[in-house]
Amino acid sequence: METIKILEKKENLDWDYDEEADVLYISIGEPRKALGVDIGEGAIVRYIEATGEVVGLTLIGIKYRLLHSLKTK
């Protein structure tokens, strides 16, 4: 597998939260078509296959997991 570029600093970070679906979408730069890979626990990494550049992250159930985590501490 080729290297995936995830640690390069990006200036243009944007996000959108769908409260009804409890999904947080994070885009690095302008949203664009990308391959999504489920990395487990409700996290999907979106990247450009040709360059290995990560362009987004989708977090499913983020509010539920955050509140659950805070209650157990």
N, C-alpha and C. Protein backbone atom coordinates (compact mmCIF):
# COMPACT_ATOMS: atom_id res chain seq x y z
N MET A 1 0.85 -1.19 0.00
CA MET A 1 0.00 0.00 0.00
C MET A 1 0.88 1.24 0.00
N GLU A 2 0.48 2.22 -0.78
CA GLU A 2 1.24 3.45 -0.85
C GLU A 2 1.02 4.29 0.41
N THR A 3 1.91 5.23 0.63
CA THR A 3 1.83 6.11 1.78
C THR A 3 0.60 7.00 1.68
N ILE A 4 -0.09 7.17 2.79
CA ILE A 4 -1.22 8.08 2.86
C ILE A 4 -0.75 9.31 3.63
N LYS A 5 -0.97 10.49 3.06
CA LYS A 5 -0.49 11.73 3.65
C LYS A 5 -1.52 12.23 4.67
N ILE A 6 -1.22 12.07 5.96
CA ILE A 6 -2.17 12.51 6.98
C ILE A 6 -1.58 13.53 7.95
N LEU A 7 -0.29 13.70 7.98
CA LEU A 7 0.31 14.55 8.98
C LEU A 7 0.78 15.90 8.45
N GLU A 8 0.44 16.23 7.23
CA GLU A 8 0.79 17.53 6.70
C GLU A 8 -0.23 18.55 7.18
N LYS A 9 0.25 19.68 7.70
CA LYS A 9 -0.64 20.71 8.21
C LYS A 9 -1.48 21.29 7.07
N LYS A 10 -2.76 21.43 7.34
CA LYS A 10 -3.68 21.99 6.36
C LYS A 10 -4.30 23.26 6.94
N GLU A 11 -4.37 24.29 6.14
CA GLU A 11 -4.92 25.57 6.59
C GLU A 11 -6.44 25.62 6.46
N ASN A 12 -6.99 24.89 5.52
CA ASN A 12 -8.38 25.03 5.16
C ASN A 12 -9.20 23.85 5.69
N LEU A 13 -9.60 23.91 6.95
CA LEU A 13 -10.36 22.84 7.58
C LEU A 13 -11.79 23.32 7.79
N ASP A 14 -12.76 22.50 7.40
CA ASP A 14 -14.17 22.86 7.53
C ASP A 14 -14.92 21.66 8.09
N TRP A 15 -16.03 21.91 8.75
CA TRP A 15 -16.81 20.81 9.30
C TRP A 15 -18.29 21.13 9.22
N ASP A 16 -19.08 20.07 9.29
CA ASP A 16 -20.53 20.18 9.29
C ASP A 16 -21.06 19.05 10.16
N TYR A 17 -22.02 19.37 11.03
CA TYR A 17 -22.59 18.36 11.91
C TYR A 17 -24.06 18.17 11.58
N ASP A 18 -24.46 16.94 11.31
CA ASP A 18 -25.85 16.59 11.07
C ASP A 18 -26.40 16.06 12.38
N GLU A 19 -27.13 16.91 13.10
CA GLU A 19 -27.62 16.54 14.44
C GLU A 19 -28.61 15.38 14.39
N GLU A 20 -29.48 15.39 13.40
CA GLU A 20 -30.48 14.33 13.30
C GLU A 20 -29.83 12.96 13.11
N ALA A 21 -28.80 12.89 12.28
CA ALA A 21 -28.11 11.62 12.02
C ALA A 21 -26.95 11.39 13.00
N ASP A 22 -26.58 12.42 13.77
CA ASP A 22 -25.43 12.37 14.69
C ASP A 22 -24.15 11.97 13.95
N VAL A 23 -23.87 12.77 12.90
CA VAL A 23 -22.69 12.52 12.07
C VAL A 23 -21.92 13.84 11.91
N LEU A 24 -20.62 13.79 12.17
CA LEU A 24 -19.74 14.94 11.98
C LEU A 24 -18.91 14.71 10.74
N TYR A 25 -18.97 15.67 9.81
CA TYR A 25 -18.20 15.61 8.57
C TYR A 25 -17.09 16.65 8.66
N ILE A 26 -15.85 16.24 8.50
CA ILE A 26 -14.72 17.16 8.51
C ILE A 26 -14.08 17.10 7.13
N SER A 27 -13.92 18.27 6.52
CA SER A 27 -13.29 18.35 5.20
C SER A 27 -11.99 19.12 5.31
N ILE A 28 -10.98 18.63 4.65
CA ILE A 28 -9.70 19.32 4.56
C ILE A 28 -9.66 19.93 3.16
N GLY A 29 -9.73 21.24 3.09
CA GLY A 29 -9.86 21.91 1.80
C GLY A 29 -11.30 21.83 1.32
N GLU A 30 -11.50 22.12 0.06
CA GLU A 30 -12.83 22.04 -0.53
C GLU A 30 -13.30 20.59 -0.56
N PRO A 31 -14.58 20.33 -0.20
CA PRO A 31 -15.07 18.96 -0.31
C PRO A 31 -14.93 18.47 -1.76
N ARG A 32 -14.48 17.22 -1.90
CA ARG A 32 -14.29 16.65 -3.24
C ARG A 32 -14.50 15.14 -3.20
N LYS A 33 -14.67 14.57 -4.37
CA LYS A 33 -14.85 13.13 -4.47
C LYS A 33 -13.62 12.43 -3.93
N ALA A 34 -13.85 11.40 -3.14
CA ALA A 34 -12.74 10.66 -2.55
C ALA A 34 -13.21 9.26 -2.17
N LEU A 35 -12.26 8.41 -1.96
CA LEU A 35 -12.53 7.05 -1.52
C LEU A 35 -12.68 7.05 -0.01
N GLY A 36 -13.71 6.41 0.50
CA GLY A 36 -13.94 6.33 1.94
C GLY A 36 -13.54 4.96 2.46
N VAL A 37 -12.79 4.95 3.55
CA VAL A 37 -12.36 3.70 4.16
C VAL A 37 -12.81 3.69 5.62
N ASP A 38 -13.60 2.70 5.97
CA ASP A 38 -14.07 2.55 7.35
C ASP A 38 -12.91 2.03 8.19
N ILE A 39 -12.48 2.83 9.17
CA ILE A 39 -11.36 2.41 10.02
C ILE A 39 -11.85 1.92 11.38
N GLY A 40 -13.15 1.76 11.51
CA GLY A 40 -13.72 1.19 12.73
C GLY A 40 -14.23 2.23 13.70
N GLU A 41 -15.09 1.79 14.59
CA GLU A 41 -15.68 2.61 15.65
C GLU A 41 -16.33 3.88 15.12
N GLY A 42 -16.99 3.77 13.98
CA GLY A 42 -17.74 4.89 13.43
C GLY A 42 -16.90 5.95 12.75
N ALA A 43 -15.67 5.64 12.38
CA ALA A 43 -14.81 6.62 11.72
C ALA A 43 -14.52 6.17 10.29
N ILE A 44 -14.72 7.10 9.37
CA ILE A 44 -14.45 6.84 7.95
C ILE A 44 -13.47 7.91 7.47
N VAL A 45 -12.35 7.47 6.93
CA VAL A 45 -11.35 8.38 6.39
C VAL A 45 -11.59 8.47 4.89
N ARG A 46 -11.59 9.71 4.39
CA ARG A 46 -11.76 9.94 2.95
C ARG A 46 -10.45 10.43 2.38
N TYR A 47 -10.01 9.77 1.30
CA TYR A 47 -8.73 10.16 0.70
C TYR A 47 -8.76 10.01 -0.81
N ILE A 48 -7.86 10.76 -1.46
CA ILE A 48 -7.72 10.69 -2.90
C ILE A 48 -6.79 9.51 -3.20
N GLU A 49 -7.31 8.52 -3.86
CA GLU A 49 -6.57 7.29 -4.10
C GLU A 49 -5.29 7.52 -4.90
N ALA A 50 -5.34 8.39 -5.90
CA ALA A 50 -4.18 8.61 -6.77
C ALA A 50 -2.99 9.24 -6.05
N THR A 51 -3.28 10.09 -5.05
CA THR A 51 -2.20 10.82 -4.37
C THR A 51 -1.99 10.37 -2.93
N GLY A 52 -2.96 9.65 -2.36
CA GLY A 52 -2.86 9.25 -0.97
C GLY A 52 -3.16 10.37 0.00
N GLU A 53 -3.69 11.47 -0.50
CA GLU A 53 -3.98 12.64 0.34
C GLU A 53 -5.31 12.48 1.07
N VAL A 54 -5.29 12.60 2.38
CA VAL A 54 -6.51 12.56 3.17
C VAL A 54 -7.23 13.90 3.01
N VAL A 55 -8.52 13.83 2.63
CA VAL A 55 -9.28 15.05 2.38
C VAL A 55 -10.50 15.17 3.29
N GLY A 56 -10.72 14.19 4.15
CA GLY A 56 -11.87 14.29 5.03
C GLY A 56 -11.97 13.14 6.01
N LEU A 57 -12.85 13.36 6.97
CA LEU A 57 -13.10 12.38 8.01
C LEU A 57 -14.58 12.46 8.36
N THR A 58 -15.22 11.32 8.47
CA THR A 58 -16.62 11.26 8.88
C THR A 58 -16.68 10.48 10.18
N LEU A 59 -17.33 11.08 11.19
CA LEU A 59 -17.45 10.44 12.50
C LEU A 59 -18.93 10.20 12.78
N ILE A 60 -19.32 8.93 12.85
CA ILE A 60 -20.71 8.54 13.04
C ILE A 60 -20.97 8.31 14.52
N GLY A 61 -22.08 8.87 15.01
CA GLY A 61 -22.46 8.69 16.41
C GLY A 61 -21.57 9.47 17.37
N ILE A 62 -21.03 10.58 16.93
CA ILE A 62 -20.06 11.32 17.73
C ILE A 62 -20.67 11.89 19.01
N LYS A 63 -21.84 12.46 18.94
CA LYS A 63 -22.48 13.03 20.13
C LYS A 63 -22.81 11.93 21.14
N TYR A 64 -23.37 10.85 20.66
CA TYR A 64 -23.70 9.73 21.54
C TYR A 64 -22.45 9.20 22.24
N ARG A 65 -21.38 8.97 21.48
CA ARG A 65 -20.16 8.43 22.07
C ARG A 65 -19.51 9.40 23.05
N LEU A 66 -19.55 10.68 22.72
CA LEU A 66 -18.96 11.69 23.61
C LEU A 66 -19.74 11.75 24.92
N LEU A 67 -21.06 11.83 24.84
CA LEU A 67 -21.86 11.89 26.06
C LEU A 67 -21.72 10.63 26.88
N HIS A 68 -21.70 9.48 26.23
CA HIS A 68 -21.52 8.20 26.93
C HIS A 68 -20.17 8.16 27.63
N SER A 69 -19.15 8.63 26.96
CA SER A 69 -17.81 8.63 27.53
C SER A 69 -17.73 9.56 28.74
N LEU A 70 -18.37 10.71 28.68
CA LEU A 70 -18.33 11.64 29.79
C LEU A 70 -19.08 11.12 31.01
N LYS A 71 -20.14 10.35 30.79
CA LYS A 71 -20.93 9.78 31.90
C LYS A 71 -20.19 8.68 32.62
N THR A 72 -19.28 8.00 31.93
CA THR A 72 -18.58 6.87 32.55
C THR A 72 -17.33 7.31 33.28
N LYS A 73 -17.00 8.58 33.28
CA LYS A 73 -15.77 9.05 33.95
C LYS A 73 -16.08 9.67 35.28
